[in-house]
Amino acid sequence: MIFYPTVSSPHLASIWQGLPLDSLVSTQGIMVMLLVAYAGAMWVFLTSAPKVHTVMVSDLELARQFYEGMLDLSAADVPLHYYYNYEQTMGAGMGMEPMMGMGTLSRPATPSAGSPDGLWYQLKKNTQLHVIAGASRGHQDRQRHVCFDRDCLELLLLQVQANGVRHKIRRERPLNFLVKNYDGEVIEMAEVGD
């Protein structure tokens, strides 16, 4: 028994009627349909991926206390497109068998303060904050959080203001402000200009 797809548009119906059934179920026809389905799945994946802002900090553990405690940001899962980079998925480091081209991919461990993956927080519905170590300490040996993206720093300033954290805006362009944590230590939040 042969089933034909139901099509509501008269134009699409004429396309389906014009194609011989044997070309649709041929190897080439099935490959084309699979490629179209794959392209659709990739489009959905890429358009639904969260926007990620990255902040480099001088002390990851103090940053965790600040973002979780003072800004009350909830931890976020690492987005799928950050799980597997090309070197890990195609290399031998993830249990790939070079001769077979197959292997098991394992999820990385949950990021922790000592992990190179850093910390992940939910800033907005489809926006995440990735906090990584690597910033130098600032003036008077104060903690420093550095960002290359102004939007990221503006979102953090909104979080600071919404949570009633003491702060002082030092400069608008590039954005630079100071906040005080619970211990009274000053943290410099700085946008790095081009």
N, C-alpha and C. Protein backbone atom coordinates (compact mmCIF):
# COMPACT_ATOMS: atom_id res chain seq x y z
N MET A 1 0.84 -1.16 0.00
CA MET A 1 0.00 0.00 0.00
C MET A 1 0.90 1.24 0.00
N ILE A 2 0.60 2.23 -0.82
CA ILE A 2 1.40 3.43 -0.95
C ILE A 2 0.64 4.59 -0.31
N PHE A 3 1.35 5.33 0.57
CA PHE A 3 0.76 6.50 1.21
C PHE A 3 1.38 7.75 0.63
N TYR A 4 0.56 8.70 0.27
CA TYR A 4 1.04 9.99 -0.22
C TYR A 4 0.86 11.01 0.89
N PRO A 5 1.81 11.94 1.05
CA PRO A 5 1.68 12.95 2.10
C PRO A 5 0.49 13.87 1.84
N THR A 6 -0.16 14.27 2.91
CA THR A 6 -1.27 15.20 2.80
C THR A 6 -0.72 16.61 2.79
N VAL A 7 -1.08 17.38 1.79
CA VAL A 7 -0.56 18.73 1.65
C VAL A 7 -1.72 19.68 1.51
N SER A 8 -1.68 20.77 2.28
CA SER A 8 -2.80 21.71 2.26
C SER A 8 -2.67 22.73 1.13
N SER A 9 -1.46 23.04 0.75
CA SER A 9 -1.25 24.04 -0.28
C SER A 9 -1.38 23.41 -1.66
N PRO A 10 -2.16 24.04 -2.57
CA PRO A 10 -2.29 23.47 -3.92
C PRO A 10 -0.96 23.44 -4.66
N HIS A 11 -0.11 24.43 -4.39
CA HIS A 11 1.20 24.48 -5.05
C HIS A 11 2.07 23.30 -4.62
N LEU A 12 2.12 23.02 -3.30
CA LEU A 12 2.91 21.89 -2.82
C LEU A 12 2.33 20.57 -3.28
N ALA A 13 1.00 20.50 -3.39
CA ALA A 13 0.37 19.27 -3.86
C ALA A 13 0.79 18.98 -5.29
N SER A 14 0.91 20.02 -6.10
CA SER A 14 1.32 19.80 -7.48
C SER A 14 2.77 19.34 -7.56
N ILE A 15 3.59 19.80 -6.63
CA ILE A 15 4.99 19.34 -6.60
C ILE A 15 5.05 17.87 -6.26
N TRP A 16 4.30 17.45 -5.22
CA TRP A 16 4.30 16.04 -4.83
C TRP A 16 3.75 15.16 -5.95
N GLN A 17 2.71 15.64 -6.63
CA GLN A 17 2.11 14.83 -7.70
C GLN A 17 3.04 14.75 -8.90
N GLY A 18 3.89 15.77 -9.09
CA GLY A 18 4.80 15.77 -10.23
C GLY A 18 6.01 14.88 -10.04
N LEU A 19 6.30 14.50 -8.80
CA LEU A 19 7.46 13.66 -8.54
C LEU A 19 7.07 12.19 -8.60
N PRO A 20 7.80 11.41 -9.36
CA PRO A 20 7.50 9.98 -9.35
C PRO A 20 7.87 9.38 -7.99
N LEU A 21 7.06 8.48 -7.52
CA LEU A 21 7.26 7.88 -6.20
C LEU A 21 8.59 7.15 -6.11
N ASP A 22 9.02 6.55 -7.20
CA ASP A 22 10.29 5.81 -7.15
C ASP A 22 11.48 6.73 -6.93
N SER A 23 11.39 8.03 -7.32
CA SER A 23 12.51 8.95 -7.05
C SER A 23 12.53 9.38 -5.59
N LEU A 24 11.34 9.41 -4.94
CA LEU A 24 11.30 9.77 -3.52
C LEU A 24 11.88 8.67 -2.65
N VAL A 25 11.62 7.43 -2.98
CA VAL A 25 12.10 6.32 -2.15
C VAL A 25 13.40 5.74 -2.66
N SER A 26 14.01 6.36 -3.64
CA SER A 26 15.32 5.91 -4.10
C SER A 26 16.36 6.30 -3.06
N THR A 27 17.55 5.76 -3.20
CA THR A 27 18.64 6.07 -2.28
C THR A 27 18.92 7.57 -2.30
N GLN A 28 18.94 8.15 -3.47
CA GLN A 28 19.22 9.58 -3.59
C GLN A 28 18.09 10.40 -2.96
N GLY A 29 16.86 10.02 -3.17
CA GLY A 29 15.73 10.74 -2.59
C GLY A 29 15.74 10.68 -1.07
N ILE A 30 16.05 9.51 -0.53
CA ILE A 30 16.11 9.36 0.93
C ILE A 30 17.26 10.19 1.50
N MET A 31 18.40 10.21 0.81
CA MET A 31 19.53 11.01 1.26
C MET A 31 19.18 12.50 1.27
N VAL A 32 18.48 12.96 0.26
CA VAL A 32 18.08 14.37 0.22
C VAL A 32 17.13 14.68 1.37
N MET A 33 16.18 13.79 1.63
CA MET A 33 15.25 14.01 2.74
C MET A 33 15.98 14.01 4.08
N LEU A 34 16.96 13.13 4.24
CA LEU A 34 17.74 13.10 5.47
C LEU A 34 18.57 14.37 5.64
N LEU A 35 19.15 14.87 4.57
CA LEU A 35 19.92 16.11 4.63
C LEU A 35 19.03 17.29 4.99
N VAL A 36 17.84 17.34 4.45
CA VAL A 36 16.90 18.42 4.78
C VAL A 36 16.50 18.32 6.25
N ALA A 37 16.25 17.11 6.74
CA ALA A 37 15.89 16.94 8.15
C ALA A 37 17.05 17.33 9.06
N TYR A 38 18.28 16.96 8.67
CA TYR A 38 19.46 17.32 9.46
C TYR A 38 19.65 18.83 9.49
N ALA A 39 19.49 19.50 8.35
CA ALA A 39 19.61 20.95 8.29
C ALA A 39 18.57 21.62 9.19
N GLY A 40 17.37 21.10 9.20
CA GLY A 40 16.32 21.64 10.08
C GLY A 40 16.66 21.46 11.54
N ALA A 41 17.18 20.29 11.90
CA ALA A 41 17.55 20.03 13.29
C ALA A 41 18.70 20.93 13.72
N MET A 42 19.68 21.14 12.86
CA MET A 42 20.79 22.03 13.20
C MET A 42 20.31 23.47 13.36
N TRP A 43 19.39 23.89 12.50
CA TRP A 43 18.86 25.25 12.60
C TRP A 43 18.16 25.44 13.95
N VAL A 44 17.33 24.47 14.34
CA VAL A 44 16.64 24.56 15.63
C VAL A 44 17.65 24.58 16.77
N PHE A 45 18.67 23.73 16.71
CA PHE A 45 19.69 23.67 17.76
C PHE A 45 20.43 25.00 17.88
N LEU A 46 20.87 25.55 16.77
CA LEU A 46 21.66 26.77 16.81
C LEU A 46 20.83 27.99 17.20
N THR A 47 19.58 28.05 16.80
CA THR A 47 18.76 29.22 17.16
C THR A 47 18.26 29.14 18.59
N SER A 48 18.23 27.95 19.18
CA SER A 48 17.77 27.84 20.56
C SER A 48 18.92 27.87 21.57
N ALA A 49 20.15 27.87 21.09
CA ALA A 49 21.31 27.90 21.99
C ALA A 49 21.35 29.24 22.73
N PRO A 50 21.63 29.21 24.03
CA PRO A 50 21.66 30.46 24.79
C PRO A 50 22.85 31.34 24.40
N LYS A 51 22.66 32.64 24.56
CA LYS A 51 23.77 33.57 24.37
C LYS A 51 24.64 33.47 25.61
N VAL A 52 25.95 33.43 25.42
CA VAL A 52 26.87 33.26 26.54
C VAL A 52 27.79 34.47 26.63
N HIS A 53 27.81 35.09 27.81
CA HIS A 53 28.75 36.18 28.10
C HIS A 53 29.84 35.61 29.00
N THR A 54 31.08 36.01 28.77
CA THR A 54 32.19 35.51 29.57
C THR A 54 32.83 36.64 30.37
N VAL A 55 33.08 36.37 31.65
CA VAL A 55 33.76 37.31 32.53
C VAL A 55 35.00 36.61 33.06
N MET A 56 36.12 37.29 33.00
CA MET A 56 37.37 36.75 33.53
C MET A 56 37.60 37.38 34.91
N VAL A 57 37.86 36.55 35.90
CA VAL A 57 38.00 37.03 37.28
C VAL A 57 39.38 36.70 37.83
N SER A 58 39.76 37.42 38.90
CA SER A 58 41.07 37.16 39.51
C SER A 58 41.02 36.04 40.53
N ASP A 59 39.86 35.74 41.11
CA ASP A 59 39.73 34.65 42.08
C ASP A 59 38.38 33.98 41.87
N LEU A 60 38.41 32.75 41.41
CA LEU A 60 37.17 32.04 41.05
C LEU A 60 36.29 31.75 42.26
N GLU A 61 36.88 31.40 43.39
CA GLU A 61 36.07 31.09 44.58
C GLU A 61 35.38 32.34 45.12
N LEU A 62 36.09 33.47 45.17
CA LEU A 62 35.46 34.71 45.61
C LEU A 62 34.38 35.15 44.61
N ALA A 63 34.61 34.88 43.34
CA ALA A 63 33.60 35.20 42.32
C ALA A 63 32.35 34.36 42.54
N ARG A 64 32.53 33.08 42.89
CA ARG A 64 31.38 32.21 43.17
C ARG A 64 30.56 32.79 44.33
N GLN A 65 31.22 33.21 45.39
CA GLN A 65 30.52 33.78 46.54
C GLN A 65 29.77 35.05 46.13
N PHE A 66 30.37 35.87 45.27
CA PHE A 66 29.74 37.11 44.84
C PHE A 66 28.53 36.85 43.95
N TYR A 67 28.68 36.01 42.91
CA TYR A 67 27.59 35.79 41.97
C TYR A 67 26.44 34.97 42.56
N GLU A 68 26.78 33.98 43.40
CA GLU A 68 25.73 33.17 43.99
C GLU A 68 25.13 33.83 45.23
N GLY A 69 25.98 34.48 46.03
CA GLY A 69 25.51 35.06 47.27
C GLY A 69 24.90 36.44 47.11
N MET A 70 25.67 37.38 46.61
CA MET A 70 25.21 38.77 46.53
C MET A 70 24.28 39.02 45.35
N LEU A 71 24.58 38.44 44.20
CA LEU A 71 23.73 38.67 43.03
C LEU A 71 22.63 37.62 42.89
N ASP A 72 22.68 36.57 43.70
CA ASP A 72 21.65 35.54 43.73
C ASP A 72 21.40 34.92 42.36
N LEU A 73 22.47 34.71 41.59
CA LEU A 73 22.33 34.06 40.29
C LEU A 73 22.27 32.55 40.48
N SER A 74 21.40 31.91 39.74
CA SER A 74 21.30 30.46 39.84
C SER A 74 22.28 29.80 38.87
N ALA A 75 22.79 28.67 39.30
CA ALA A 75 23.73 27.91 38.46
C ALA A 75 23.02 27.45 37.21
N ALA A 76 23.75 27.42 36.10
CA ALA A 76 23.19 26.99 34.83
C ALA A 76 23.97 25.80 34.31
N ASP A 77 23.30 24.98 33.52
CA ASP A 77 23.98 23.88 32.85
C ASP A 77 24.84 24.44 31.74
N VAL A 78 25.95 23.79 31.50
CA VAL A 78 26.81 24.20 30.40
C VAL A 78 26.05 23.94 29.10
N PRO A 79 25.96 24.93 28.21
CA PRO A 79 25.23 24.71 26.95
C PRO A 79 25.87 23.59 26.13
N LEU A 80 25.04 22.87 25.39
CA LEU A 80 25.54 21.72 24.62
C LEU A 80 26.67 22.10 23.68
N HIS A 81 26.59 23.25 23.06
CA HIS A 81 27.65 23.59 22.10
C HIS A 81 28.97 23.90 22.80
N TYR A 82 29.01 23.95 24.14
CA TYR A 82 30.25 24.11 24.87
C TYR A 82 30.78 22.77 25.39
N TYR A 83 29.93 21.73 25.37
CA TYR A 83 30.36 20.43 25.90
C TYR A 83 31.47 19.81 25.08
N TYR A 84 31.28 19.78 23.79
CA TYR A 84 32.20 19.03 22.94
C TYR A 84 32.84 19.97 21.93
N ASN A 85 34.13 20.19 22.09
CA ASN A 85 34.80 20.96 21.05
C ASN A 85 35.41 19.98 20.06
N TYR A 86 35.87 20.49 18.94
CA TYR A 86 36.34 19.61 17.87
C TYR A 86 37.50 18.73 18.31
N GLU A 87 38.43 19.27 19.09
CA GLU A 87 39.58 18.49 19.48
C GLU A 87 39.17 17.30 20.35
N GLN A 88 38.20 17.51 21.23
CA GLN A 88 37.81 16.42 22.13
C GLN A 88 36.94 15.40 21.42
N THR A 89 36.02 15.83 20.57
CA THR A 89 35.12 14.86 19.95
C THR A 89 35.80 14.07 18.86
N MET A 90 36.81 14.64 18.22
CA MET A 90 37.47 13.94 17.14
C MET A 90 38.80 13.33 17.56
N GLY A 91 39.28 13.66 18.74
CA GLY A 91 40.59 13.18 19.16
C GLY A 91 40.51 11.93 20.00
N ALA A 92 41.69 11.49 20.40
CA ALA A 92 41.78 10.27 21.20
C ALA A 92 41.53 10.54 22.67
N GLY A 93 41.46 11.80 23.07
CA GLY A 93 41.31 12.15 24.47
C GLY A 93 39.96 11.79 25.07
N MET A 94 38.98 11.49 24.25
CA MET A 94 37.65 11.19 24.77
C MET A 94 37.26 9.75 24.53
N GLY A 95 38.22 8.87 24.41
CA GLY A 95 37.89 7.46 24.24
C GLY A 95 37.55 7.11 22.80
N MET A 96 37.99 7.89 21.84
CA MET A 96 37.71 7.60 20.44
C MET A 96 38.72 6.56 19.95
N GLU A 97 38.26 5.61 19.26
CA GLU A 97 39.12 4.60 18.68
C GLU A 97 39.50 5.07 17.28
N PRO A 98 40.77 5.45 17.04
CA PRO A 98 41.15 6.04 15.76
C PRO A 98 40.86 5.14 14.56
N MET A 99 41.02 3.84 14.70
CA MET A 99 40.82 2.94 13.55
C MET A 99 39.34 2.75 13.26
N MET A 100 38.51 2.77 14.27
CA MET A 100 37.09 2.53 14.08
C MET A 100 36.30 3.80 13.87
N GLY A 101 36.83 4.94 14.37
CA GLY A 101 36.10 6.19 14.23
C GLY A 101 34.92 6.27 15.17
N MET A 102 34.86 5.38 16.15
CA MET A 102 33.74 5.40 17.08
C MET A 102 34.28 5.40 18.49
N GLY A 103 33.44 5.73 19.41
CA GLY A 103 33.83 5.72 20.81
C GLY A 103 32.70 6.25 21.65
N THR A 104 32.93 6.34 22.90
CA THR A 104 31.89 6.86 23.77
C THR A 104 32.25 8.29 24.16
N LEU A 105 31.29 9.14 24.08
CA LEU A 105 31.47 10.52 24.51
C LEU A 105 30.88 10.66 25.89
N SER A 106 31.66 11.13 26.80
CA SER A 106 31.15 11.30 28.16
C SER A 106 30.99 12.77 28.45
N ARG A 107 30.00 13.10 29.25
CA ARG A 107 29.79 14.48 29.67
C ARG A 107 30.90 14.89 30.61
N PRO A 108 31.39 16.12 30.46
CA PRO A 108 32.41 16.56 31.40
C PRO A 108 31.84 16.68 32.81
N ALA A 109 32.71 16.65 33.76
CA ALA A 109 32.28 16.80 35.15
C ALA A 109 31.67 18.17 35.36
N THR A 110 30.83 18.27 36.37
CA THR A 110 30.24 19.56 36.70
C THR A 110 31.34 20.55 37.02
N PRO A 111 31.30 21.74 36.42
CA PRO A 111 32.36 22.71 36.66
C PRO A 111 32.46 23.07 38.14
N SER A 112 33.67 23.20 38.60
CA SER A 112 33.88 23.61 39.98
C SER A 112 34.90 24.73 39.99
N ALA A 113 35.18 25.25 41.15
CA ALA A 113 36.10 26.39 41.26
C ALA A 113 37.48 26.04 40.73
N GLY A 114 37.91 24.79 40.84
CA GLY A 114 39.22 24.42 40.36
C GLY A 114 39.22 23.93 38.92
N SER A 115 38.07 23.89 38.31
CA SER A 115 37.95 23.36 36.97
C SER A 115 38.26 24.43 35.92
N PRO A 116 38.91 24.04 34.83
CA PRO A 116 39.17 25.01 33.78
C PRO A 116 37.89 25.46 33.08
N ASP A 117 36.81 24.72 33.29
CA ASP A 117 35.53 25.09 32.67
C ASP A 117 34.92 26.32 33.32
N GLY A 118 35.29 26.64 34.54
CA GLY A 118 34.77 27.81 35.22
C GLY A 118 33.39 27.59 35.81
N LEU A 119 32.67 28.69 35.99
CA LEU A 119 31.35 28.69 36.61
C LEU A 119 30.32 29.14 35.57
N TRP A 120 29.10 28.61 35.66
CA TRP A 120 28.04 28.96 34.72
C TRP A 120 26.82 29.43 35.49
N TYR A 121 26.28 30.60 35.12
CA TYR A 121 25.10 31.15 35.77
C TYR A 121 24.08 31.60 34.74
N GLN A 122 22.82 31.57 35.14
CA GLN A 122 21.73 32.04 34.29
C GLN A 122 21.52 33.52 34.56
N LEU A 123 21.74 34.37 33.54
CA LEU A 123 21.53 35.82 33.68
C LEU A 123 20.10 36.20 33.34
N LYS A 124 19.63 35.72 32.20
CA LYS A 124 18.26 35.94 31.75
C LYS A 124 17.76 34.63 31.17
N LYS A 125 16.54 34.66 30.63
CA LYS A 125 15.94 33.42 30.13
C LYS A 125 16.86 32.66 29.16
N ASN A 126 17.39 33.32 28.16
CA ASN A 126 18.23 32.64 27.18
C ASN A 126 19.63 33.27 27.14
N THR A 127 20.11 33.73 28.30
CA THR A 127 21.43 34.35 28.40
C THR A 127 22.14 33.79 29.62
N GLN A 128 23.37 33.32 29.40
CA GLN A 128 24.15 32.75 30.50
C GLN A 128 25.45 33.52 30.70
N LEU A 129 25.97 33.40 31.91
CA LEU A 129 27.24 34.02 32.27
C LEU A 129 28.24 32.91 32.52
N HIS A 130 29.38 32.99 31.84
CA HIS A 130 30.46 32.02 32.02
C HIS A 130 31.59 32.76 32.73
N VAL A 131 31.92 32.34 33.93
CA VAL A 131 32.94 32.99 34.75
C VAL A 131 34.19 32.11 34.72
N ILE A 132 35.30 32.69 34.28
CA ILE A 132 36.56 31.95 34.19
C ILE A 132 37.65 32.70 34.94
N ALA A 133 38.67 31.98 35.34
CA ALA A 133 39.81 32.60 36.02
C ALA A 133 40.76 33.17 34.97
N GLY A 134 41.63 34.09 35.42
CA GLY A 134 42.67 34.58 34.52
C GLY A 134 42.89 36.08 34.56
N ALA A 135 42.04 36.84 35.22
CA ALA A 135 42.23 38.29 35.28
C ALA A 135 43.28 38.62 36.34
N SER A 136 44.04 39.67 36.09
CA SER A 136 45.01 40.12 37.09
C SER A 136 44.27 40.92 38.15
N ARG A 137 44.88 41.05 39.30
CA ARG A 137 44.28 41.86 40.36
C ARG A 137 44.40 43.32 39.97
N GLY A 138 43.47 44.13 40.43
CA GLY A 138 43.40 45.53 40.05
C GLY A 138 44.20 46.45 40.95
N HIS A 139 43.91 47.74 40.82
CA HIS A 139 44.55 48.79 41.61
C HIS A 139 44.34 48.50 43.10
N GLN A 140 45.35 48.71 43.92
CA GLN A 140 45.33 48.44 45.36
C GLN A 140 45.03 46.98 45.66
N ASP A 141 45.47 46.09 44.76
CA ASP A 141 45.33 44.65 44.93
C ASP A 141 43.88 44.20 45.11
N ARG A 142 42.93 44.90 44.48
CA ARG A 142 41.52 44.52 44.62
C ARG A 142 41.12 43.47 43.58
N GLN A 143 40.08 42.72 43.92
CA GLN A 143 39.53 41.72 43.01
C GLN A 143 39.07 42.42 41.73
N ARG A 144 39.22 41.74 40.61
CA ARG A 144 38.86 42.33 39.34
C ARG A 144 38.06 41.34 38.50
N HIS A 145 36.97 41.82 37.91
CA HIS A 145 36.16 41.03 36.98
C HIS A 145 36.17 41.79 35.66
N VAL A 146 36.71 41.18 34.63
CA VAL A 146 36.92 41.85 33.35
C VAL A 146 36.07 41.20 32.27
N CYS A 147 35.51 42.05 31.41
CA CYS A 147 34.65 41.57 30.34
C CYS A 147 34.95 42.35 29.06
N PHE A 148 34.90 41.69 27.92
CA PHE A 148 35.14 42.34 26.64
C PHE A 148 33.84 42.79 25.99
N ASP A 149 32.72 42.45 26.58
CA ASP A 149 31.41 42.72 26.00
C ASP A 149 30.64 43.69 26.89
N ARG A 150 30.31 44.86 26.38
CA ARG A 150 29.59 45.87 27.16
C ARG A 150 28.22 45.36 27.62
N ASP A 151 27.52 44.64 26.75
CA ASP A 151 26.20 44.11 27.13
C ASP A 151 26.28 43.26 28.39
N CYS A 152 27.33 42.46 28.48
CA CYS A 152 27.51 41.61 29.65
C CYS A 152 27.65 42.45 30.91
N LEU A 153 28.49 43.45 30.85
CA LEU A 153 28.73 44.29 32.04
C LEU A 153 27.48 45.09 32.40
N GLU A 154 26.72 45.52 31.40
CA GLU A 154 25.46 46.23 31.69
C GLU A 154 24.46 45.31 32.38
N LEU A 155 24.39 44.04 31.95
CA LEU A 155 23.50 43.08 32.62
C LEU A 155 23.95 42.84 34.06
N LEU A 156 25.26 42.78 34.28
CA LEU A 156 25.75 42.60 35.64
C LEU A 156 25.45 43.82 36.50
N LEU A 157 25.58 45.01 35.93
CA LEU A 157 25.24 46.24 36.66
C LEU A 157 23.76 46.25 37.04
N LEU A 158 22.90 45.80 36.13
CA LEU A 158 21.47 45.70 36.45
C LEU A 158 21.24 44.72 37.61
N GLN A 159 21.97 43.60 37.63
CA GLN A 159 21.85 42.63 38.72
C GLN A 159 22.32 43.25 40.04
N VAL A 160 23.41 44.01 39.98
CA VAL A 160 23.94 44.68 41.17
C VAL A 160 22.89 45.64 41.71
N GLN A 161 22.31 46.45 40.83
CA GLN A 161 21.31 47.44 41.25
C GLN A 161 20.05 46.76 41.76
N ALA A 162 19.60 45.70 41.08
CA ALA A 162 18.37 45.00 41.49
C ALA A 162 18.52 44.33 42.86
N ASN A 163 19.72 43.90 43.20
CA ASN A 163 19.95 43.23 44.48
C ASN A 163 20.42 44.17 45.58
N GLY A 164 20.45 45.46 45.29
CA GLY A 164 20.80 46.46 46.30
C GLY A 164 22.25 46.38 46.76
N VAL A 165 23.14 45.93 45.90
CA VAL A 165 24.55 45.83 46.25
C VAL A 165 25.18 47.22 46.14
N ARG A 166 25.96 47.60 47.15
CA ARG A 166 26.63 48.91 47.12
C ARG A 166 27.58 48.95 45.94
N HIS A 167 27.47 50.02 45.15
CA HIS A 167 28.32 50.14 43.98
C HIS A 167 28.58 51.61 43.66
N LYS A 168 29.59 51.83 42.84
CA LYS A 168 29.93 53.18 42.40
C LYS A 168 30.40 53.08 40.95
N ILE A 169 29.71 53.80 40.06
CA ILE A 169 30.11 53.82 38.65
C ILE A 169 31.26 54.81 38.50
N ARG A 170 32.39 54.32 38.03
CA ARG A 170 33.58 55.16 37.88
C ARG A 170 33.65 55.78 36.49
N ARG A 171 33.22 55.03 35.49
CA ARG A 171 33.33 55.52 34.12
C ARG A 171 32.27 54.84 33.27
N GLU A 172 31.68 55.60 32.33
CA GLU A 172 30.65 55.06 31.44
C GLU A 172 31.25 54.36 30.22
N ARG A 173 32.28 54.95 29.63
CA ARG A 173 32.89 54.40 28.41
C ARG A 173 34.39 54.32 28.56
N PRO A 174 35.00 53.19 28.58
CA PRO A 174 34.41 51.87 28.77
C PRO A 174 33.85 51.75 30.19
N LEU A 175 32.80 50.98 30.31
CA LEU A 175 32.09 50.85 31.59
C LEU A 175 33.02 50.28 32.67
N ASN A 176 33.02 50.94 33.81
CA ASN A 176 33.86 50.51 34.93
C ASN A 176 33.14 50.91 36.21
N PHE A 177 32.89 49.95 37.08
CA PHE A 177 32.25 50.26 38.36
C PHE A 177 32.82 49.38 39.46
N LEU A 178 32.64 49.84 40.69
CA LEU A 178 33.12 49.13 41.86
C LEU A 178 31.93 48.63 42.66
N VAL A 179 32.07 47.45 43.25
CA VAL A 179 31.05 46.91 44.16
C VAL A 179 31.76 46.44 45.42
N LYS A 180 31.00 46.36 46.51
CA LYS A 180 31.54 45.83 47.77
C LYS A 180 30.84 44.52 48.08
N ASN A 181 31.66 43.52 48.43
CA ASN A 181 31.06 42.24 48.81
C ASN A 181 30.71 42.26 50.30
N TYR A 182 30.21 41.15 50.83
CA TYR A 182 29.78 41.09 52.22
C TYR A 182 30.90 41.38 53.21
N ASP A 183 32.13 41.07 52.82
CA ASP A 183 33.27 41.29 53.70
C ASP A 183 33.82 42.70 53.60
N GLY A 184 33.20 43.54 52.78
CA GLY A 184 33.65 44.91 52.60
C GLY A 184 34.78 45.06 51.60
N GLU A 185 35.13 43.95 50.93
CA GLU A 185 36.18 43.99 49.94
C GLU A 185 35.63 44.58 48.63
N VAL A 186 36.41 45.45 48.01
CA VAL A 186 35.99 46.12 46.77
C VAL A 186 36.35 45.24 45.58
N ILE A 187 35.37 45.07 44.67
CA ILE A 187 35.58 44.33 43.44
C ILE A 187 35.41 45.32 42.28
N GLU A 188 36.40 45.35 41.40
CA GLU A 188 36.33 46.22 40.23
C GLU A 188 35.73 45.44 39.07
N MET A 189 34.66 45.97 38.48
CA MET A 189 34.02 45.36 37.32
C MET A 189 34.39 46.25 36.13
N ALA A 190 35.15 45.71 35.17
CA ALA A 190 35.68 46.55 34.11
C ALA A 190 35.41 45.99 32.73
N GLU A 191 34.98 46.87 31.82
CA GLU A 191 34.87 46.54 30.41
C GLU A 191 36.22 46.83 29.77
N VAL A 192 36.74 45.87 29.05
CA VAL A 192 38.01 46.06 28.38
C VAL A 192 37.71 46.58 26.98
N GLY A 193 38.20 47.79 26.68
CA GLY A 193 37.96 48.39 25.36
C GLY A 193 38.85 47.78 24.31
N ASP A 194 38.54 48.09 23.06
CA ASP A 194 39.34 47.59 21.92
C ASP A 194 40.70 48.19 21.87
